[in-house]
C-alpha atoms as a PDB file:
ATOM      1  CA  MET A   1       0.000   0.000   0.000  1.00  0.00           C
ATOM      2  CA  LEU A   2       2.808   2.412   0.851  1.00  0.00           C
ATOM      3  CA  LEU A   3       4.499   1.742  -2.495  1.00  0.00           C
ATOM      4  CA  SER A   4       1.250   2.663  -4.229  1.00  0.00           C
ATOM      5  CA  CYS A   5       1.110   5.898  -2.260  1.00  0.00           C
ATOM      6  CA  MET A   6       4.720   6.659  -3.152  1.00  0.00           C
ATOM      7  CA  SER A   7       3.854   6.006  -6.805  1.00  0.00           C
ATOM      8  CA  VAL A   8       1.077   8.596  -6.666  1.00  0.00           C
ATOM      9  CA  GLY A   9       3.547  11.075  -5.200  1.00  0.00           C
ATOM     10  CA  SER A  10       6.136  10.110  -7.807  1.00  0.00           C
ATOM     11  CA  MET A  11       3.726  10.841 -10.648  1.00  0.00           C
ATOM     12  CA  ALA A  12       2.842  14.185  -9.070  1.00  0.00           C
ATOM     13  CA  GLY A  13       6.521  15.019  -8.620  1.00  0.00           C
ATOM     14  CA  GLY A  14       7.306  14.117 -12.222  1.00  0.00           C
ATOM     15  CA  LEU A  15       4.428  16.206 -13.530  1.00  0.00           C
ATOM     16  CA  ALA A  16       5.382  19.146 -11.309  1.00  0.00           C
ATOM     17  CA  LEU A  17       9.027  18.950 -12.372  1.00  0.00           C
ATOM     18  CA  GLY A  18       8.046  18.757 -16.034  1.00  0.00           C
ATOM     19  CA  ALA A  19       5.833  21.837 -15.675  1.00  0.00           C
ATOM     20  CA  LEU A  20       8.619  23.994 -14.233  1.00  0.00           C
ATOM     21  CA  PRO A  21      10.653  26.332 -16.428  1.00  0.00           C
ATOM     22  CA  ALA A  22      14.052  24.891 -17.438  1.00  0.00           C
ATOM     23  CA  GLY A  23      15.970  27.163 -15.070  1.00  0.00           C
ATOM     24  CA  ARG A  24      14.034  25.973 -12.060  1.00  0.00           C
ATOM     25  CA  SER A  25      13.793  22.307 -13.028  1.00  0.00           C
ATOM     26  CA  SER A  26      17.567  22.130 -13.545  1.00  0.00           C
ATOM     27  CA  ARG A  27      17.975  22.604  -9.789  1.00  0.00           C
ATOM     28  CA  ALA A  28      16.551  19.117  -9.208  1.00  0.00           C
ATOM     29  CA  THR A  29      19.964  17.483  -9.526  1.00  0.00           C
ATOM     30  CA  PHE A  30      20.612  13.916  -8.432  1.00  0.00           C
ATOM     31  CA  PRO A  31      22.168  14.907  -5.071  1.00  0.00           C
ATOM     32  CA  VAL A  32      19.243  17.255  -4.376  1.00  0.00           C
ATOM     33  CA  THR A  33      16.575  14.645  -5.142  1.00  0.00           C
ATOM     34  CA  LEU A  34      18.401  12.085  -2.978  1.00  0.00           C
ATOM     35  CA  ALA A  35      18.489  14.583  -0.114  1.00  0.00           C
ATOM     36  CA  VAL A  36      14.737  15.157  -0.499  1.00  0.00           C
ATOM     37  CA  LEU A  37      14.190  11.380  -0.439  1.00  0.00           C
ATOM     38  CA  SER A  38      16.264  11.183   2.748  1.00  0.00           C
ATOM     39  CA  VAL A  39      14.070  13.775   4.447  1.00  0.00           C
ATOM     40  CA  GLY A  40      11.002  11.974   3.087  1.00  0.00           C
ATOM     41  CA  ALA A  41      12.166   8.701   4.638  1.00  0.00           C
ATOM     42  CA  LEU A  42      12.482  10.461   8.001  1.00  0.00           C
ATOM     43  CA  VAL A  43       8.967  11.873   7.614  1.00  0.00           C
ATOM     44  CA  VAL A  44       7.591   8.414   6.810  1.00  0.00           C
ATOM     45  CA  ALA A  45       9.505   6.952   9.780  1.00  0.00           C
ATOM     46  CA  ALA A  46       7.912   9.516  12.095  1.00  0.00           C
ATOM     47  CA  ALA A  47       4.489   8.992  10.510  1.00  0.00           C
ATOM     48  CA  SER A  48       4.745   5.245  11.059  1.00  0.00           C
ATOM     49  CA  PHE A  49       4.114   5.930  14.755  1.00  0.00           C
ATOM     50  CA  THR A  50       0.874   7.834  14.039  1.00  0.00           C
ATOM     51  CA  TRP A  51      -2.402   7.135  12.276  1.00  0.00           C
ATOM     52  CA  THR A  52      -2.584   5.259   9.001  1.00  0.00           C
ATOM     53  CA  ALA A  53      -3.938   8.319   7.168  1.00  0.00           C
ATOM     54  CA  VAL A  54      -0.868  10.344   8.181  1.00  0.00           C
ATOM     55  CA  LEU A  55       1.401   7.522   7.018  1.00  0.00           C
ATOM     56  CA  ILE A  56      -0.345   7.425   3.638  1.00  0.00           C
ATOM     57  CA  VAL A  57       0.068  11.175   3.135  1.00  0.00           C
ATOM     58  CA  ALA A  58       3.728  11.007   4.256  1.00  0.00           C
ATOM     59  CA  ALA A  59       4.404   8.226   1.731  1.00  0.00           C
ATOM     60  CA  MET A  60       2.853  10.359  -1.019  1.00  0.00           C
ATOM     61  CA  VAL A  61       5.007  13.319  -0.003  1.00  0.00           C
ATOM     62  CA  MET A  62       8.136  11.143   0.004  1.00  0.00           C
ATOM     63  CA  GLY A  63       7.187   9.828  -3.432  1.00  0.00           C
ATOM     64  CA  ILE A  64       7.344  13.333  -4.898  1.00  0.00           C
ATOM     65  CA  ALA A  65      11.130  12.935  -5.215  1.00  0.00           C
ATOM     66  CA  VAL A  66      11.157   9.356  -6.584  1.00  0.00           C
ATOM     67  CA  GLY A  67      10.392  10.093 -10.247  1.00  0.00           C
ATOM     68  CA  PRO A  68      12.605  13.181 -10.368  1.00  0.00           C
ATOM     69  CA  SER A  69      15.424  11.129  -8.786  1.00  0.00           C
ATOM     70  CA  PHE A  70      15.316   8.636 -11.638  1.00  0.00           C
ATOM     71  CA  VAL A  71      15.199  11.457 -14.196  1.00  0.00           C
ATOM     72  CA  ALA A  72      18.153  13.153 -12.490  1.00  0.00           C
ATOM     73  CA  LEU A  73      20.102   9.871 -12.309  1.00  0.00           C
ATOM     74  CA  TRP A  74      19.676   9.080 -16.008  1.00  0.00           C
ATOM     75  CA  ALA A  75      20.421  12.681 -17.024  1.00  0.00           C
ATOM     76  CA  THR A  76      23.537  12.810 -14.855  1.00  0.00           C
ATOM     77  CA  VAL A  77      24.798   9.490 -16.155  1.00  0.00           C
ATOM     78  CA  GLY A  78      24.076  10.581 -19.717  1.00  0.00           C
ATOM     79  CA  ASP A  79      25.933  13.848 -19.246  1.00  0.00           C
ATOM     80  CA  MET A  80      28.919  12.327 -17.462  1.00  0.00           C
ATOM     81  CA  SER A  81      29.512   9.235 -19.576  1.00  0.00           C
ATOM     82  CA  PRO A  82      31.862   9.365 -22.546  1.00  0.00           C
ATOM     83  CA  GLN A  83      29.786   9.745 -25.709  1.00  0.00           C
ATOM     84  CA  ASN A  84      31.099   6.519 -27.192  1.00  0.00           C
ATOM     85  CA  LEU A  85      30.181   4.562 -24.036  1.00  0.00           C
ATOM     86  CA  ALA A  86      26.765   6.040 -23.224  1.00  0.00           C
ATOM     87  CA  ALA A  87      24.773   2.832 -23.847  1.00  0.00           C
ATOM     88  CA  GLU A  88      27.220   0.712 -21.861  1.00  0.00           C
ATOM     89  CA  THR A  89      27.187   3.201 -18.996  1.00  0.00           C
ATOM     90  CA  GLN A  90      23.375   3.165 -18.873  1.00  0.00           C
ATOM     91  CA  SER A  91      23.457  -0.658 -18.869  1.00  0.00           C
ATOM     92  CA  TRP A  92      25.892  -0.731 -15.963  1.00  0.00           C
ATOM     93  CA  ILE A  93      23.720   1.696 -14.008  1.00  0.00           C
ATOM     94  CA  SER A  94      20.655  -0.493 -14.637  1.00  0.00           C
ATOM     95  CA  SER A  95      22.557  -3.576 -13.508  1.00  0.00           C
ATOM     96  CA  PHE A  96      23.759  -1.913 -10.325  1.00  0.00           C
ATOM     97  CA  MET A  97      20.258  -0.617  -9.581  1.00  0.00           C
ATOM     98  CA  SER A  98      18.918  -4.171  -9.859  1.00  0.00           C
ATOM     99  CA  LEU A  99      21.713  -5.507  -7.669  1.00  0.00           C
ATOM    100  CA  GLY A 100      21.191  -2.745  -5.114  1.00  0.00           C
ATOM    101  CA  GLY A 101      17.449  -3.366  -5.050  1.00  0.00           C
ATOM    102  CA  SER A 102      17.961  -7.086  -4.494  1.00  0.00           C
ATOM    103  CA  VAL A 103      20.554  -6.687  -1.751  1.00  0.00           C
ATOM    104  CA  GLY A 104      18.573  -3.844  -0.185  1.00  0.00           C
ATOM    105  CA  ALA A 105      15.382  -5.909  -0.079  1.00  0.00           C
ATOM    106  CA  ALA A 106      17.184  -8.827   1.562  1.00  0.00           C
ATOM    107  CA  LEU A 107      18.961  -6.660   4.129  1.00  0.00           C
ATOM    108  CA  GLY A 108      15.800  -4.622   4.678  1.00  0.00           C
ATOM    109  CA  GLY A 109      13.905  -7.770   5.565  1.00  0.00           C
ATOM    110  CA  LEU A 110      16.566  -8.687   8.115  1.00  0.00           C
ATOM    111  CA  VAL A 111      16.514  -5.192   9.648  1.00  0.00           C
ATOM    112  CA  ILE A 112      12.706  -5.212   9.874  1.00  0.00           C
ATOM    113  CA  GLN A 113      12.749  -8.642  11.471  1.00  0.00           C
ATOM    114  CA  ALA A 114      15.391  -7.651  14.010  1.00  0.00           C
ATOM    115  CA  LEU A 115      14.580  -3.996  14.728  1.00  0.00           C
ATOM    116  CA  GLY A 116      11.237  -3.153  13.127  1.00  0.00           C
ATOM    117  CA  PRO A 117      10.127  -1.033  10.167  1.00  0.00           C
ATOM    118  CA  GLY A 118      10.970   2.274  11.863  1.00  0.00           C
ATOM    119  CA  ALA A 119      14.645   1.260  12.084  1.00  0.00           C
ATOM    120  CA  LEU A 120      14.656   0.378   8.400  1.00  0.00           C
ATOM    121  CA  LEU A 121      13.250   3.791   7.480  1.00  0.00           C
ATOM    122  CA  LEU A 122      15.883   5.515   9.617  1.00  0.00           C
ATOM    123  CA  LEU A 123      18.613   3.408   8.010  1.00  0.00           C
ATOM    124  CA  ALA A 124      17.225   4.248   4.561  1.00  0.00           C
ATOM    125  CA  ALA A 125      17.276   7.972   5.406  1.00  0.00           C
ATOM    126  CA  VAL A 126      20.915   7.760   6.498  1.00  0.00           C
ATOM    127  CA  ALA A 127      21.843   5.781   3.367  1.00  0.00           C
ATOM    128  CA  LEU A 128      20.092   8.310   1.116  1.00  0.00           C
ATOM    129  CA  ALA A 129      21.832  11.228   2.847  1.00  0.00           C
ATOM    130  CA  LEU A 130      25.181   9.493   2.411  1.00  0.00           C
ATOM    131  CA  ALA A 131      24.394   8.747  -1.246  1.00  0.00           C
ATOM    132  CA  SER A 132      23.462  12.398  -1.777  1.00  0.00           C
ATOM    133  CA  GLY A 133      26.801  13.554  -0.398  1.00  0.00           C
ATOM    134  CA  LEU A 134      28.756  11.005  -2.422  1.00  0.00           C
ATOM    135  CA  ALA A 135      26.862  11.911  -5.601  1.00  0.00           C
ATOM    136  CA  HIS A 136      27.594  15.595  -5.034  1.00  0.00           C
ATOM    137  CA  LEU A 137      31.310  14.870  -4.576  1.00  0.00           C
ATOM    138  CA  ALA A 138      31.444  12.587  -7.616  1.00  0.00           C
ATOM    139  CA  ILE A 139      29.692  15.084  -9.867  1.00  0.00           C
ATOM    140  CA  LYS A 140      31.819  17.948  -8.587  1.00  0.00           C
ATOM    141  CA  SER A 141      35.086  16.056  -9.099  1.00  0.00           C
ATOM    142  CA  THR A 142      34.041  14.869 -12.554  1.00  0.00           C
ATOM    143  CA  SER A 143      33.000  18.316 -13.736  1.00  0.00           C
ATOM    144  CA  VAL A 144      36.324  19.746 -12.592  1.00  0.00           C
ATOM    145  CA  THR A 145      38.399  17.127 -14.424  1.00  0.00           C
ATOM    146  CA  SER A 146      36.120  16.522 -17.409  1.00  0.00           C
ATOM    147  CA  GLU A 147      38.406  18.502 -19.697  1.00  0.00           C
ATOM    148  CA  GLN A 148      41.112  15.907 -19.087  1.00  0.00           C
ATOM    149  CA  VAL A 149      38.948  12.818 -19.693  1.00  0.00           C
ATOM    150  CA  PRO A 150      38.826  11.628 -23.304  1.00  0.00           C
ATOM    151  CA  GLY A 151      35.293  11.370 -24.643  1.00  0.00           C
ATOM    152  CA  ILE A 152      33.696  13.752 -22.138  1.00  0.00           C
ATOM    153  CA  ASP A 153      32.581  17.072 -23.506  1.00  0.00           C
ATOM    154  CA  PRO A 154      33.352  19.612 -20.753  1.00  0.00           C
ATOM    155  CA  HIS A 155      30.462  21.777 -21.966  1.00  0.00           C
ATOM    156  CA  ARG A 156      28.021  18.908 -21.221  1.00  0.00           C
ATOM    157  CA  ALA A 157      29.417  18.147 -17.754  1.00  0.00           C
ATOM    158  CA  VAL A 158      26.857  18.281 -14.973  1.00  0.00           C
ATOM    159  CA  THR A 159      27.383  20.701 -12.116  1.00  0.00           C
ATOM    160  CA  THR A 160      25.469  20.988  -8.897  1.00  0.00           C
ATOM    161  CA  GLU A 161      25.757  24.748  -8.591  1.00  0.00           C
ATOM    162  CA  VAL A 162      22.499  26.516  -7.824  1.00  0.00           C
ATOM    163  CA  GLN A 163      22.181  30.023  -9.196  1.00  0.00           C
END
């Protein structure tokens, strides 16, 4: 049920992002959307101790960043990958997403069994915050050195600067 609620939020987030002018929508970078998901996971964790209706709304709010996160991931990967390896890079990302989902589901089940769903949501929030920081550092370091990497057009490099 919560995944369905997150899906509703994800559709709303995707539609809202698509309706924004390019200057504003470009601020929804991968690190930013991961940070929003981290906060959303904390909101859902807190809501899990309240009424079901509050939990449903919190899951919808968290979902707002899901669709934009995927868009930001694919755009970032597309911008950062060498032009002659774009398809291979996208394939590797898809493979790692599947692997991460599988391992995450297995470990998530163990955490829920041992500590409860609230602990899993807190762990997810910490992991998303860490991923946001790592993504920011990776994008920043790549955009700085993109002129030196064969196959990367420095004018296409993604930056996380907000104007």
